[in-house]
């Protein structure tokens, strides 16, 4: 993989400080940490997004009629 030098303007100072600190904790150069962050951002942006309006609903019948209440009782007691 070819490496290039870049100058990036208008980077949030706090975000960059966090990136540097996390890179140091993981013993990574900042450039590699930034490349990993860019790769992740690109892969996330390529994931197909299904709008809520296109979600299909299903009929669960009587077995799922009280499902949300059952989930709530498990999670919240």
C-alpha atoms as a PDB file:
ATOM      1  CA  UNK A   1       0.000   0.000   0.000  1.00  0.00           C
ATOM      2  CA  UNK A   2       1.430   3.357  -1.038  1.00  0.00           C
ATOM      3  CA  UNK A   3       1.765   6.049   1.612  1.00  0.00           C
ATOM      4  CA  UNK A   4       1.208   9.760   1.052  1.00  0.00           C
ATOM      5  CA  UNK A   5       1.615  12.851   3.182  1.00  0.00           C
ATOM      6  CA  UNK A   6      -1.476  14.998   3.607  1.00  0.00           C
ATOM      7  CA  UNK A   7      -2.368  18.257   5.262  1.00  0.00           C
ATOM      8  CA  UNK A   8      -5.867  18.323   6.711  1.00  0.00           C
ATOM      9  CA  UNK A   9      -7.519  21.617   7.590  1.00  0.00           C
ATOM     10  CA  UNK A  10     -10.384  22.353   9.977  1.00  0.00           C
ATOM     11  CA  UNK A  11     -10.043  19.246  12.148  1.00  0.00           C
ATOM     12  CA  UNK A  12     -11.729  19.541  15.526  1.00  0.00           C
ATOM     13  CA  UNK A  13      -8.935  19.928  18.078  1.00  0.00           C
ATOM     14  CA  UNK A  14     -10.632  17.753  20.708  1.00  0.00           C
ATOM     15  CA  UNK A  15     -11.379  14.955  18.253  1.00  0.00           C
ATOM     16  CA  UNK A  16      -7.797  14.961  17.000  1.00  0.00           C
ATOM     17  CA  UNK A  17      -6.459  14.922  20.569  1.00  0.00           C
ATOM     18  CA  UNK A  18      -8.644  11.884  21.317  1.00  0.00           C
ATOM     19  CA  UNK A  19      -7.376  10.168  18.158  1.00  0.00           C
ATOM     20  CA  UNK A  20      -3.762  10.809  19.161  1.00  0.00           C
ATOM     21  CA  UNK A  21      -4.346   9.563  22.700  1.00  0.00           C
ATOM     22  CA  UNK A  22      -6.103   6.392  21.544  1.00  0.00           C
ATOM     23  CA  UNK A  23      -3.390   5.757  18.965  1.00  0.00           C
ATOM     24  CA  UNK A  24      -0.746   6.118  21.687  1.00  0.00           C
ATOM     25  CA  UNK A  25      -2.609   3.704  23.978  1.00  0.00           C
ATOM     26  CA  UNK A  26      -2.675   1.160  21.177  1.00  0.00           C
ATOM     27  CA  UNK A  27       0.929   1.927  20.212  1.00  0.00           C
ATOM     28  CA  UNK A  28      -0.101   2.949  16.685  1.00  0.00           C
ATOM     29  CA  UNK A  29       1.229   5.848  14.647  1.00  0.00           C
ATOM     30  CA  UNK A  30      -1.409   8.583  14.230  1.00  0.00           C
ATOM     31  CA  UNK A  31      -1.347   8.116  10.460  1.00  0.00           C
ATOM     32  CA  UNK A  32      -2.314   4.457  10.744  1.00  0.00           C
ATOM     33  CA  UNK A  33      -5.029   5.252  13.300  1.00  0.00           C
ATOM     34  CA  UNK A  34      -6.398   7.909  10.956  1.00  0.00           C
ATOM     35  CA  UNK A  35      -6.300   5.497   8.002  1.00  0.00           C
ATOM     36  CA  UNK A  36      -8.238   2.930  10.037  1.00  0.00           C
ATOM     37  CA  UNK A  37     -10.815   5.551  10.989  1.00  0.00           C
ATOM     38  CA  UNK A  38     -11.206   6.622   7.358  1.00  0.00           C
ATOM     39  CA  UNK A  39     -11.569   3.002   6.220  1.00  0.00           C
ATOM     40  CA  UNK A  40     -14.279   2.379   8.803  1.00  0.00           C
ATOM     41  CA  UNK A  41     -16.120   5.569   7.886  1.00  0.00           C
ATOM     42  CA  UNK A  42     -16.028   4.612   4.204  1.00  0.00           C
ATOM     43  CA  UNK A  43     -17.283   1.079   4.842  1.00  0.00           C
ATOM     44  CA  UNK A  44     -20.121   2.403   7.043  1.00  0.00           C
ATOM     45  CA  UNK A  45     -21.163   4.887   4.381  1.00  0.00           C
ATOM     46  CA  UNK A  46     -21.333   2.103   1.767  1.00  0.00           C
ATOM     47  CA  UNK A  47     -23.753  -0.027   3.779  1.00  0.00           C
ATOM     48  CA  UNK A  48     -27.180   0.006   2.192  1.00  0.00           C
ATOM     49  CA  UNK A  49     -29.668   2.015   4.209  1.00  0.00           C
ATOM     50  CA  UNK A  50     -33.247   0.787   4.231  1.00  0.00           C
ATOM     51  CA  UNK A  51     -35.641   3.652   4.947  1.00  0.00           C
ATOM     52  CA  UNK A  52     -38.094   2.989   7.745  1.00  0.00           C
ATOM     53  CA  UNK A  53     -40.992   3.468   5.322  1.00  0.00           C
ATOM     54  CA  UNK A  54     -39.803   0.410   3.342  1.00  0.00           C
ATOM     55  CA  UNK A  55     -39.597  -1.931   6.333  1.00  0.00           C
ATOM     56  CA  UNK A  56     -41.959  -4.854   6.043  1.00  0.00           C
ATOM     57  CA  UNK A  57     -44.198  -5.723   8.927  1.00  0.00           C
ATOM     58  CA  UNK A  58     -45.227  -9.222   9.897  1.00  0.00           C
ATOM     59  CA  UNK A  59     -48.239 -10.638  11.618  1.00  0.00           C
ATOM     60  CA  UNK A  60     -47.084 -12.544  14.654  1.00  0.00           C
ATOM     61  CA  UNK A  61     -50.477 -13.656  15.814  1.00  0.00           C
ATOM     62  CA  UNK A  62     -51.471 -14.220  19.430  1.00  0.00           C
ATOM     63  CA  UNK A  63     -48.011 -15.462  20.427  1.00  0.00           C
ATOM     64  CA  UNK A  64     -46.492 -12.015  19.921  1.00  0.00           C
ATOM     65  CA  UNK A  65     -49.431  -9.896  21.072  1.00  0.00           C
ATOM     66  CA  UNK A  66     -47.815  -9.126  24.443  1.00  0.00           C
ATOM     67  CA  UNK A  67     -44.207  -9.433  23.314  1.00  0.00           C
ATOM     68  CA  UNK A  68     -43.206  -5.844  24.094  1.00  0.00           C
ATOM     69  CA  UNK A  69     -44.570  -6.168  27.613  1.00  0.00           C
ATOM     70  CA  UNK A  70     -42.660  -9.435  28.076  1.00  0.00           C
ATOM     71  CA  UNK A  71     -39.436  -7.845  26.877  1.00  0.00           C
ATOM     72  CA  UNK A  72     -39.990  -4.875  29.217  1.00  0.00           C
ATOM     73  CA  UNK A  73     -40.566  -7.176  32.190  1.00  0.00           C
ATOM     74  CA  UNK A  74     -37.330  -9.062  31.433  1.00  0.00           C
ATOM     75  CA  UNK A  75     -35.285  -5.896  30.978  1.00  0.00           C
ATOM     76  CA  UNK A  76     -36.788  -3.696  33.660  1.00  0.00           C
ATOM     77  CA  UNK A  77     -38.313  -6.198  36.101  1.00  0.00           C
END
